[in-house]
Amino acid sequence: DGAGCALRVAAAWLSVMRAGARMGSGKLRALIISELYAINGVTCDAMTVLVFEWDALSRNHQHDLLALRNAYEGTWVSILQRLQDETGYVESPQVWRKLLVGAIAWSVTWFRKDGSMTLESLADRVLLMAVGKD
């Protein structure tokens, strides 16, 4: 199904992108890129349903997707925890994730694939917003 596919694509991107990253900020950038691609790339319609129309899915469908979503969110929180340990950032990883998911999810309303910004350059800007440095 589309929503499950979106999560699987995001997870696959995440695995590929973070394979070479050693520092927490490199891993965070990989997570950001994977989610930007999931929301604004080939799976954007299905991911948009997960972000904006979760309540429209049947209870059975929601139940099936929760395990995938929980694993995906757990990866984010774990990397944000590592980054918090490295940097001393004071916000909790869970709140940090919610701030990032809001910023990334909202990009679907204004980002244009044919515009002047690439998803990679947008990821760099989100990373800068998240950690305050390159």
C-alpha atoms as a PDB file:
ATOM      1  CA  ASP A   1       0.000   0.000   0.000  1.00  0.00           C
ATOM      2  CA  GLY A   2       1.073   3.601  -0.491  1.00  0.00           C
ATOM      3  CA  ALA A   3       1.576   4.675   3.116  1.00  0.00           C
ATOM      4  CA  GLY A   4       3.550   1.558   4.026  1.00  0.00           C
ATOM      5  CA  CYS A   5       5.565   2.023   0.849  1.00  0.00           C
ATOM      6  CA  ALA A   6       6.356   5.600   1.853  1.00  0.00           C
ATOM      7  CA  LEU A   7       7.703   4.477   5.215  1.00  0.00           C
ATOM      8  CA  ARG A   8       9.710   1.666   3.625  1.00  0.00           C
ATOM      9  CA  VAL A   9      11.195   4.054   1.052  1.00  0.00           C
ATOM     10  CA  ALA A  10      12.075   6.537   3.793  1.00  0.00           C
ATOM     11  CA  ALA A  11      13.676   3.741   5.824  1.00  0.00           C
ATOM     12  CA  ALA A  12      15.646   2.534   2.802  1.00  0.00           C
ATOM     13  CA  TRP A  13      16.911   6.050   2.067  1.00  0.00           C
ATOM     14  CA  LEU A  14      17.776   6.391   5.711  1.00  0.00           C
ATOM     15  CA  SER A  15      19.882   3.214   5.662  1.00  0.00           C
ATOM     16  CA  VAL A  16      21.744   4.214   2.526  1.00  0.00           C
ATOM     17  CA  MET A  17      22.313   7.821   3.513  1.00  0.00           C
ATOM     18  CA  ARG A  18      23.508   7.213   7.053  1.00  0.00           C
ATOM     19  CA  ALA A  19      25.799   4.299   6.240  1.00  0.00           C
ATOM     20  CA  GLY A  20      28.841   6.566   5.835  1.00  0.00           C
ATOM     21  CA  ALA A  21      28.024   9.208   8.427  1.00  0.00           C
ATOM     22  CA  ARG A  22      30.123   9.016  11.566  1.00  0.00           C
ATOM     23  CA  MET A  23      29.144  12.101  13.539  1.00  0.00           C
ATOM     24  CA  GLY A  24      25.664  12.724  14.861  1.00  0.00           C
ATOM     25  CA  SER A  25      25.235  15.758  12.611  1.00  0.00           C
ATOM     26  CA  GLY A  26      26.025  13.652   9.521  1.00  0.00           C
ATOM     27  CA  LYS A  27      23.495  11.066  10.617  1.00  0.00           C
ATOM     28  CA  LEU A  28      20.940  13.800  11.280  1.00  0.00           C
ATOM     29  CA  ARG A  29      21.507  15.231   7.791  1.00  0.00           C
ATOM     30  CA  ALA A  30      20.914  11.752   6.335  1.00  0.00           C
ATOM     31  CA  LEU A  31      17.653  11.478   8.281  1.00  0.00           C
ATOM     32  CA  ILE A  32      16.573  14.916   7.098  1.00  0.00           C
ATOM     33  CA  ILE A  33      17.323  14.077   3.460  1.00  0.00           C
ATOM     34  CA  SER A  34      15.500  10.750   3.699  1.00  0.00           C
ATOM     35  CA  GLU A  35      12.396  12.399   5.081  1.00  0.00           C
ATOM     36  CA  LEU A  36      12.512  15.283   2.587  1.00  0.00           C
ATOM     37  CA  TYR A  37      12.676  12.752  -0.255  1.00  0.00           C
ATOM     38  CA  ALA A  38       9.836  10.737   1.252  1.00  0.00           C
ATOM     39  CA  ILE A  39       7.635  13.827   1.573  1.00  0.00           C
ATOM     40  CA  ASN A  40       8.650  15.737  -1.561  1.00  0.00           C
ATOM     41  CA  GLY A  41       9.938  12.954  -3.794  1.00  0.00           C
ATOM     42  CA  VAL A  42       8.448   9.899  -5.460  1.00  0.00           C
ATOM     43  CA  THR A  43       6.332   8.875  -2.458  1.00  0.00           C
ATOM     44  CA  CYS A  44       5.053  12.340  -1.585  1.00  0.00           C
ATOM     45  CA  ASP A  45       1.343  11.547  -1.884  1.00  0.00           C
ATOM     46  CA  ALA A  46       1.518   8.527   0.412  1.00  0.00           C
ATOM     47  CA  MET A  47       3.754  10.304   2.934  1.00  0.00           C
ATOM     48  CA  THR A  48       1.425  13.304   2.926  1.00  0.00           C
ATOM     49  CA  VAL A  49      -1.381  10.974   3.997  1.00  0.00           C
ATOM     50  CA  LEU A  50       0.751   9.785   6.909  1.00  0.00           C
ATOM     51  CA  VAL A  51       1.556  13.325   7.960  1.00  0.00           C
ATOM     52  CA  PHE A  52      -1.671  15.211   7.339  1.00  0.00           C
ATOM     53  CA  GLU A  53      -4.461  12.633   7.030  1.00  0.00           C
ATOM     54  CA  TRP A  54      -3.601   9.929   9.551  1.00  0.00           C
ATOM     55  CA  ASP A  55      -7.137   9.998  10.964  1.00  0.00           C
ATOM     56  CA  ALA A  56      -8.576   9.229   7.527  1.00  0.00           C
ATOM     57  CA  LEU A  57      -6.974   5.757   7.551  1.00  0.00           C
ATOM     58  CA  SER A  58      -8.970   2.827   8.941  1.00  0.00           C
ATOM     59  CA  ARG A  59      -8.091   1.619  12.446  1.00  0.00           C
ATOM     60  CA  ASN A  60      -6.749  -1.649  11.022  1.00  0.00           C
ATOM     61  CA  HIS A  61      -4.574   0.216   8.557  1.00  0.00           C
ATOM     62  CA  GLN A  62      -3.329   2.574  11.270  1.00  0.00           C
ATOM     63  CA  HIS A  63      -2.459  -0.394  13.478  1.00  0.00           C
ATOM     64  CA  ASP A  64      -0.417  -2.022  10.714  1.00  0.00           C
ATOM     65  CA  LEU A  65       1.482   1.187  10.023  1.00  0.00           C
ATOM     66  CA  LEU A  66       2.215   2.032  13.659  1.00  0.00           C
ATOM     67  CA  ALA A  67       4.997  -0.552  14.002  1.00  0.00           C
ATOM     68  CA  LEU A  68       6.763   0.853  10.940  1.00  0.00           C
ATOM     69  CA  ARG A  69       6.252   4.426  12.108  1.00  0.00           C
ATOM     70  CA  ASN A  70       7.442   3.665  15.645  1.00  0.00           C
ATOM     71  CA  ALA A  71      10.643   2.059  14.368  1.00  0.00           C
ATOM     72  CA  TYR A  72      11.245   5.018  12.045  1.00  0.00           C
ATOM     73  CA  GLU A  73      10.640   7.560  14.818  1.00  0.00           C
ATOM     74  CA  GLY A  74      12.821   5.522  17.180  1.00  0.00           C
ATOM     75  CA  THR A  75      15.723   5.885  14.753  1.00  0.00           C
ATOM     76  CA  TRP A  76      15.287   9.659  14.754  1.00  0.00           C
ATOM     77  CA  VAL A  77      15.152   9.906  18.540  1.00  0.00           C
ATOM     78  CA  SER A  78      18.181   7.652  18.946  1.00  0.00           C
ATOM     79  CA  ILE A  79      20.292   9.779  16.607  1.00  0.00           C
ATOM     80  CA  LEU A  80      19.060  12.998  18.217  1.00  0.00           C
ATOM     81  CA  GLN A  81      20.010  11.528  21.617  1.00  0.00           C
ATOM     82  CA  ARG A  82      23.503  10.791  20.289  1.00  0.00           C
ATOM     83  CA  LEU A  83      23.756  14.320  18.917  1.00  0.00           C
ATOM     84  CA  GLN A  84      22.547  15.713  22.241  1.00  0.00           C
ATOM     85  CA  ASP A  85      25.324  13.761  23.978  1.00  0.00           C
ATOM     86  CA  GLU A  86      27.902  15.099  21.494  1.00  0.00           C
ATOM     87  CA  THR A  87      26.803  18.734  21.591  1.00  0.00           C
ATOM     88  CA  GLY A  88      25.163  19.281  24.961  1.00  0.00           C
ATOM     89  CA  TYR A  89      22.016  20.553  23.238  1.00  0.00           C
ATOM     90  CA  VAL A  90      19.484  21.070  26.004  1.00  0.00           C
ATOM     91  CA  GLU A  91      16.204  20.210  24.247  1.00  0.00           C
ATOM     92  CA  SER A  92      14.918  16.681  24.706  1.00  0.00           C
ATOM     93  CA  PRO A  93      15.340  14.468  21.614  1.00  0.00           C
ATOM     94  CA  GLN A  94      11.577  13.914  21.491  1.00  0.00           C
ATOM     95  CA  VAL A  95      10.796  17.654  21.377  1.00  0.00           C
ATOM     96  CA  TRP A  96      13.693  18.229  18.967  1.00  0.00           C
ATOM     97  CA  ARG A  97      12.166  15.605  16.657  1.00  0.00           C
ATOM     98  CA  LYS A  98       8.730  17.215  16.809  1.00  0.00           C
ATOM     99  CA  LEU A  99      10.223  20.596  15.863  1.00  0.00           C
ATOM    100  CA  LEU A 100      12.052  18.999  12.934  1.00  0.00           C
ATOM    101  CA  VAL A 101       9.063  16.981  11.741  1.00  0.00           C
ATOM    102  CA  GLY A 102       7.006  20.166  11.669  1.00  0.00           C
ATOM    103  CA  ALA A 103       9.589  22.029   9.610  1.00  0.00           C
ATOM    104  CA  ILE A 104      10.162  19.127   7.227  1.00  0.00           C
ATOM    105  CA  ALA A 105       6.481  18.243   6.821  1.00  0.00           C
ATOM    106  CA  TRP A 106       5.559  21.832   6.033  1.00  0.00           C
ATOM    107  CA  SER A 107       8.041  21.885   3.127  1.00  0.00           C
ATOM    108  CA  VAL A 108       5.454  19.980   1.074  1.00  0.00           C
ATOM    109  CA  THR A 109       3.396  23.179   0.935  1.00  0.00           C
ATOM    110  CA  TRP A 110       6.099  25.349  -0.632  1.00  0.00           C
ATOM    111  CA  PHE A 111       9.020  23.292  -1.960  1.00  0.00           C
ATOM    112  CA  ARG A 112       9.068  22.908  -5.746  1.00  0.00           C
ATOM    113  CA  LYS A 113      11.165  20.197  -7.416  1.00  0.00           C
ATOM    114  CA  ASP A 114      11.702  22.503 -10.392  1.00  0.00           C
ATOM    115  CA  GLY A 115      12.640  25.479  -8.208  1.00  0.00           C
ATOM    116  CA  SER A 116      16.028  26.948  -7.430  1.00  0.00           C
ATOM    117  CA  MET A 117      16.598  24.815  -4.313  1.00  0.00           C
ATOM    118  CA  THR A 118      17.396  21.104  -4.334  1.00  0.00           C
ATOM    119  CA  LEU A 119      16.303  18.719  -1.595  1.00  0.00           C
ATOM    120  CA  GLU A 120      19.963  18.419  -0.578  1.00  0.00           C
ATOM    121  CA  SER A 121      20.348  22.193  -0.166  1.00  0.00           C
ATOM    122  CA  LEU A 122      17.069  22.286   1.762  1.00  0.00           C
ATOM    123  CA  ALA A 123      18.429  19.500   3.994  1.00  0.00           C
ATOM    124  CA  ASP A 124      21.511  21.619   4.684  1.00  0.00           C
ATOM    125  CA  ARG A 125      19.290  24.524   5.737  1.00  0.00           C
ATOM    126  CA  VAL A 126      17.184  22.321   8.005  1.00  0.00           C
ATOM    127  CA  LEU A 127      20.367  20.903   9.556  1.00  0.00           C
ATOM    128  CA  LEU A 128      21.675  24.418  10.164  1.00  0.00           C
ATOM    129  CA  MET A 129      18.369  25.315  11.788  1.00  0.00           C
ATOM    130  CA  ALA A 130      18.515  22.169  13.932  1.00  0.00           C
ATOM    131  CA  VAL A 131      22.086  22.370  15.194  1.00  0.00           C
ATOM    132  CA  GLY A 132      22.982  26.017  14.632  1.00  0.00           C
ATOM    133  CA  LYS A 133      26.214  25.314  12.758  1.00  0.00           C
ATOM    134  CA  ASP A 134      27.578  23.482   9.731  1.00  0.00           C
END
